[in-house]
Amino acid sequence: MDFNATFWGQTIAMIVFVAFVMWKIWPPLMKALEERQQKIADGLAAAEKGDKKLDEARAEAAQIVADARKQATGILDQAHSRANEIVAEGKADGTKERERQLTAAAAEIEQETNKAREELRGQVSAIAVASAEKILNREIDARQHEDILGKLASEL
């Protein structure tokens, strides 16, 4: 193999080209590669951080749902107990009203009974006077009539 000027020219051109690439092109290229590596690393870290936050958010959401269920259960229990109280109050009010109505009815019955007794006494008195008139074949005067009625009423 012969080393001629072409060979040496090509070698020098290659050395100049490699030096130029190493001096002007290689640093920005390496810088771009490092920036890309950093962006990828940052993206992966952000993804891991996002996954961690997502897991935390899921746990927090599960806790919130559990708390809401507990609160709903408490509200339902309060509603049931209040409903039972209302039913008990209604029963008590119903019992009081029934007792009041029974007392009023008993008083009314007593009043009607007394009224019927008075009417019956009057009718019995009239029948007794009529019977006495027929027996005696004479009419009793008004004063005697009042005395007899008073005695009969007191006996009845």
C-alpha atoms as a PDB file:
ATOM      1  CA  MET A   1       0.000   0.000   0.000  1.00  0.00           C
ATOM      2  CA  ASP A   2       1.192   3.364  -0.996  1.00  0.00           C
ATOM      3  CA  PHE A   3       0.748   6.384   1.150  1.00  0.00           C
ATOM      4  CA  ASN A   4       0.345   9.247  -1.231  1.00  0.00           C
ATOM      5  CA  ALA A   5      -0.902  12.773  -0.878  1.00  0.00           C
ATOM      6  CA  THR A   6      -4.519  11.771  -1.352  1.00  0.00           C
ATOM      7  CA  PHE A   7      -4.322   9.466   1.607  1.00  0.00           C
ATOM      8  CA  TRP A   8      -2.702  12.124   3.728  1.00  0.00           C
ATOM      9  CA  GLY A   9      -5.216  14.695   2.519  1.00  0.00           C
ATOM     10  CA  GLN A  10      -8.129  12.473   3.332  1.00  0.00           C
ATOM     11  CA  THR A  11      -6.635  11.688   6.744  1.00  0.00           C
ATOM     12  CA  ILE A  12      -6.133  15.379   7.526  1.00  0.00           C
ATOM     13  CA  ALA A  13      -9.642  16.168   6.274  1.00  0.00           C
ATOM     14  CA  MET A  14     -11.029  13.388   8.447  1.00  0.00           C
ATOM     15  CA  ILE A  15      -9.125  14.648  11.491  1.00  0.00           C
ATOM     16  CA  VAL A  16     -10.321  18.216  10.828  1.00  0.00           C
ATOM     17  CA  PHE A  17     -13.869  16.932  10.332  1.00  0.00           C
ATOM     18  CA  VAL A  18     -13.793  14.855  13.576  1.00  0.00           C
ATOM     19  CA  ALA A  19     -12.264  17.818  15.463  1.00  0.00           C
ATOM     20  CA  PHE A  20     -14.924  20.150  14.077  1.00  0.00           C
ATOM     21  CA  VAL A  21     -17.712  17.691  14.984  1.00  0.00           C
ATOM     22  CA  MET A  22     -16.230  17.199  18.497  1.00  0.00           C
ATOM     23  CA  TRP A  23     -15.824  20.937  18.999  1.00  0.00           C
ATOM     24  CA  LYS A  24     -19.047  22.343  17.422  1.00  0.00           C
ATOM     25  CA  ILE A  25     -21.608  19.543  16.961  1.00  0.00           C
ATOM     26  CA  TRP A  26     -20.888  17.036  19.710  1.00  0.00           C
ATOM     27  CA  PRO A  27     -21.478  19.327  22.791  1.00  0.00           C
ATOM     28  CA  PRO A  28     -24.939  20.557  21.671  1.00  0.00           C
ATOM     29  CA  LEU A  29     -25.843  17.007  20.701  1.00  0.00           C
ATOM     30  CA  MET A  30     -24.727  15.683  24.106  1.00  0.00           C
ATOM     31  CA  LYS A  31     -26.511  18.570  25.788  1.00  0.00           C
ATOM     32  CA  ALA A  32     -29.743  17.717  23.910  1.00  0.00           C
ATOM     33  CA  LEU A  33     -29.351  14.041  24.872  1.00  0.00           C
ATOM     34  CA  GLU A  34     -28.794  14.944  28.532  1.00  0.00           C
ATOM     35  CA  GLU A  35     -31.800  17.285  28.481  1.00  0.00           C
ATOM     36  CA  ARG A  36     -33.898  14.516  26.950  1.00  0.00           C
ATOM     37  CA  GLN A  37     -32.669  12.073  29.600  1.00  0.00           C
ATOM     38  CA  GLN A  38     -33.516  14.621  32.290  1.00  0.00           C
ATOM     39  CA  LYS A  39     -37.008  15.178  30.817  1.00  0.00           C
ATOM     40  CA  ILE A  40     -37.602  11.433  30.714  1.00  0.00           C
ATOM     41  CA  ALA A  41     -36.370  11.068  34.303  1.00  0.00           C
ATOM     42  CA  ASP A  42     -38.577  13.993  35.386  1.00  0.00           C
ATOM     43  CA  GLY A  43     -41.540  12.473  33.531  1.00  0.00           C
ATOM     44  CA  LEU A  44     -41.020   9.117  35.240  1.00  0.00           C
ATOM     45  CA  ALA A  45     -40.711  10.820  38.633  1.00  0.00           C
ATOM     46  CA  ALA A  46     -43.869  12.830  37.941  1.00  0.00           C
ATOM     47  CA  ALA A  47     -45.659   9.643  36.879  1.00  0.00           C
ATOM     48  CA  GLU A  48     -44.595   7.925  40.104  1.00  0.00           C
ATOM     49  CA  LYS A  49     -45.663  10.987  42.091  1.00  0.00           C
ATOM     50  CA  GLY A  50     -48.979  11.038  40.211  1.00  0.00           C
ATOM     51  CA  ASP A  51     -49.524   7.337  40.955  1.00  0.00           C
ATOM     52  CA  LYS A  52     -48.771   7.977  44.609  1.00  0.00           C
ATOM     53  CA  LYS A  53     -51.202  10.934  44.707  1.00  0.00           C
ATOM     54  CA  LEU A  54     -53.807   8.842  42.894  1.00  0.00           C
ATOM     55  CA  ASP A  55     -53.446   6.099  45.500  1.00  0.00           C
ATOM     56  CA  GLU A  56     -53.710   8.691  48.276  1.00  0.00           C
ATOM     57  CA  ALA A  57     -56.789  10.214  46.616  1.00  0.00           C
ATOM     58  CA  ARG A  58     -58.388   6.772  46.303  1.00  0.00           C
ATOM     59  CA  ALA A  59     -57.699   6.064  49.981  1.00  0.00           C
ATOM     60  CA  GLU A  60     -59.095   9.475  50.949  1.00  0.00           C
ATOM     61  CA  ALA A  61     -62.171   8.914  48.772  1.00  0.00           C
ATOM     62  CA  ALA A  62     -62.703   5.512  50.387  1.00  0.00           C
ATOM     63  CA  GLN A  63     -62.418   7.141  53.832  1.00  0.00           C
ATOM     64  CA  ILE A  64     -64.880   9.880  52.851  1.00  0.00           C
ATOM     65  CA  VAL A  65     -67.335   7.270  51.558  1.00  0.00           C
ATOM     66  CA  ALA A  66     -66.959   5.243  54.764  1.00  0.00           C
ATOM     67  CA  ASP A  67     -67.541   8.371  56.870  1.00  0.00           C
ATOM     68  CA  ALA A  68     -70.579   9.279  54.771  1.00  0.00           C
ATOM     69  CA  ARG A  69     -71.982   5.773  55.265  1.00  0.00           C
ATOM     70  CA  LYS A  70     -71.459   6.026  59.008  1.00  0.00           C
ATOM     71  CA  GLN A  71     -73.143   9.422  59.045  1.00  0.00           C
ATOM     72  CA  ALA A  72     -76.027   8.124  56.921  1.00  0.00           C
ATOM     73  CA  THR A  73     -76.443   5.174  59.282  1.00  0.00           C
ATOM     74  CA  GLY A  74     -76.483   7.555  62.239  1.00  0.00           C
ATOM     75  CA  ILE A  75     -79.071   9.756  60.546  1.00  0.00           C
ATOM     76  CA  LEU A  76     -81.226   6.717  59.768  1.00  0.00           C
ATOM     77  CA  ASP A  77     -80.959   5.529  63.365  1.00  0.00           C
ATOM     78  CA  GLN A  78     -81.995   8.979  64.593  1.00  0.00           C
ATOM     79  CA  ALA A  79     -84.899   9.021  62.155  1.00  0.00           C
ATOM     80  CA  HIS A  80     -86.058   5.582  63.323  1.00  0.00           C
ATOM     81  CA  SER A  81     -85.823   6.560  66.973  1.00  0.00           C
ATOM     82  CA  ARG A  82     -87.682   9.825  66.281  1.00  0.00           C
ATOM     83  CA  ALA A  83     -90.343   7.910  64.364  1.00  0.00           C
ATOM     84  CA  ASN A  84     -90.705   5.534  67.313  1.00  0.00           C
ATOM     85  CA  GLU A  85     -90.999   8.528  69.647  1.00  0.00           C
ATOM     86  CA  ILE A  86     -93.663  10.069  67.429  1.00  0.00           C
ATOM     87  CA  VAL A  87     -95.583   6.785  67.360  1.00  0.00           C
ATOM     88  CA  ALA A  88     -95.318   6.515  71.145  1.00  0.00           C
ATOM     89  CA  GLU A  89     -96.488  10.129  71.522  1.00  0.00           C
ATOM     90  CA  GLY A  90     -99.370   9.411  69.165  1.00  0.00           C
ATOM     91  CA  LYS A  91    -100.348   6.365  71.195  1.00  0.00           C
ATOM     92  CA  ALA A  92    -100.155   8.354  74.421  1.00  0.00           C
ATOM     93  CA  ASP A  93    -102.197  11.189  72.898  1.00  0.00           C
ATOM     94  CA  GLY A  94    -104.688   8.645  71.571  1.00  0.00           C
ATOM     95  CA  THR A  95    -104.967   7.052  74.991  1.00  0.00           C
ATOM     96  CA  LYS A  96    -105.485  10.453  76.624  1.00  0.00           C
ATOM     97  CA  GLU A  97    -108.108  11.383  74.048  1.00  0.00           C
ATOM     98  CA  ARG A  98    -109.844   8.033  74.501  1.00  0.00           C
ATOM     99  CA  GLU A  99    -109.890   8.522  78.275  1.00  0.00           C
ATOM    100  CA  ARG A 100    -111.225  12.057  77.837  1.00  0.00           C
ATOM    101  CA  GLN A 101    -113.930  10.851  75.480  1.00  0.00           C
ATOM    102  CA  LEU A 102    -114.798   7.962  77.821  1.00  0.00           C
ATOM    103  CA  THR A 103    -115.046  10.395  80.732  1.00  0.00           C
ATOM    104  CA  ALA A 104    -117.206  12.754  78.682  1.00  0.00           C
ATOM    105  CA  ALA A 105    -119.382   9.855  77.513  1.00  0.00           C
ATOM    106  CA  ALA A 106    -119.732   8.561  81.084  1.00  0.00           C
ATOM    107  CA  ALA A 107    -120.739  12.039  82.247  1.00  0.00           C
ATOM    108  CA  GLU A 108    -123.215  12.328  79.391  1.00  0.00           C
ATOM    109  CA  ILE A 109    -124.608   8.863  80.172  1.00  0.00           C
ATOM    110  CA  GLU A 110    -124.948   9.820  83.816  1.00  0.00           C
ATOM    111  CA  GLN A 111    -126.694  13.039  82.840  1.00  0.00           C
ATOM    112  CA  GLU A 112    -129.028  11.211  80.442  1.00  0.00           C
ATOM    113  CA  THR A 113    -129.699   8.570  83.111  1.00  0.00           C
ATOM    114  CA  ASN A 114    -130.595  11.248  85.651  1.00  0.00           C
ATOM    115  CA  LYS A 115    -132.801  12.984  83.090  1.00  0.00           C
ATOM    116  CA  ALA A 116    -134.534   9.691  82.265  1.00  0.00           C
ATOM    117  CA  ARG A 117    -135.015   8.992  85.977  1.00  0.00           C
ATOM    118  CA  GLU A 118    -136.558  12.401  86.467  1.00  0.00           C
ATOM    119  CA  GLU A 119    -138.866  11.859  83.514  1.00  0.00           C
ATOM    120  CA  LEU A 120    -139.702   8.404  84.794  1.00  0.00           C
ATOM    121  CA  ARG A 121    -140.406   9.797  88.260  1.00  0.00           C
ATOM    122  CA  GLY A 122    -142.726  12.351  86.710  1.00  0.00           C
ATOM    123  CA  GLN A 123    -144.494   9.673  84.694  1.00  0.00           C
ATOM    124  CA  VAL A 124    -144.684   7.333  87.691  1.00  0.00           C
ATOM    125  CA  SER A 125    -146.037  10.213  89.762  1.00  0.00           C
ATOM    126  CA  ALA A 126    -148.661  10.982  87.148  1.00  0.00           C
ATOM    127  CA  ILE A 127    -149.615   7.291  86.938  1.00  0.00           C
ATOM    128  CA  ALA A 128    -149.720   7.061  90.721  1.00  0.00           C
ATOM    129  CA  VAL A 129    -151.921  10.154  90.980  1.00  0.00           C
ATOM    130  CA  ALA A 130    -154.184   8.882  88.214  1.00  0.00           C
ATOM    131  CA  SER A 131    -154.380   5.513  89.943  1.00  0.00           C
ATOM    132  CA  ALA A 132    -155.074   7.163  93.280  1.00  0.00           C
ATOM    133  CA  GLU A 133    -157.823   9.306  91.711  1.00  0.00           C
ATOM    134  CA  LYS A 134    -159.414   6.297  90.223  1.00  0.00           C
ATOM    135  CA  ILE A 135    -159.156   4.484  93.495  1.00  0.00           C
ATOM    136  CA  LEU A 136    -160.537   7.360  95.468  1.00  0.00           C
ATOM    137  CA  ASN A 137    -162.835   8.534  92.701  1.00  0.00           C
ATOM    138  CA  ARG A 138    -162.022  12.038  93.466  1.00  0.00           C
ATOM    139  CA  GLU A 139    -159.363  14.517  92.536  1.00  0.00           C
ATOM    140  CA  ILE A 140    -156.606  15.449  94.898  1.00  0.00           C
ATOM    141  CA  ASP A 141    -156.044  19.176  95.314  1.00  0.00           C
ATOM    142  CA  ALA A 142    -152.799  20.782  94.008  1.00  0.00           C
ATOM    143  CA  ARG A 143    -151.082  21.127  97.387  1.00  0.00           C
ATOM    144  CA  GLN A 144    -151.660  17.509  98.258  1.00  0.00           C
ATOM    145  CA  HIS A 145    -150.666  16.606  94.744  1.00  0.00           C
ATOM    146  CA  GLU A 146    -147.254  18.335  95.223  1.00  0.00           C
ATOM    147  CA  ASP A 147    -146.712  16.604  98.581  1.00  0.00           C
ATOM    148  CA  ILE A 148    -147.436  13.190  97.124  1.00  0.00           C
ATOM    149  CA  LEU A 149    -145.176  13.811  94.121  1.00  0.00           C
ATOM    150  CA  GLY A 150    -142.359  15.012  96.374  1.00  0.00           C
ATOM    151  CA  LYS A 151    -142.625  11.896  98.546  1.00  0.00           C
ATOM    152  CA  LEU A 152    -142.710   9.618  95.547  1.00  0.00           C
ATOM    153  CA  ALA A 153    -139.732  11.363  93.976  1.00  0.00           C
ATOM    154  CA  SER A 154    -137.698  11.040  97.145  1.00  0.00           C
ATOM    155  CA  GLU A 155    -138.576   7.361  97.460  1.00  0.00           C
ATOM    156  CA  LEU A 156    -137.610   6.645  93.907  1.00  0.00           C
END
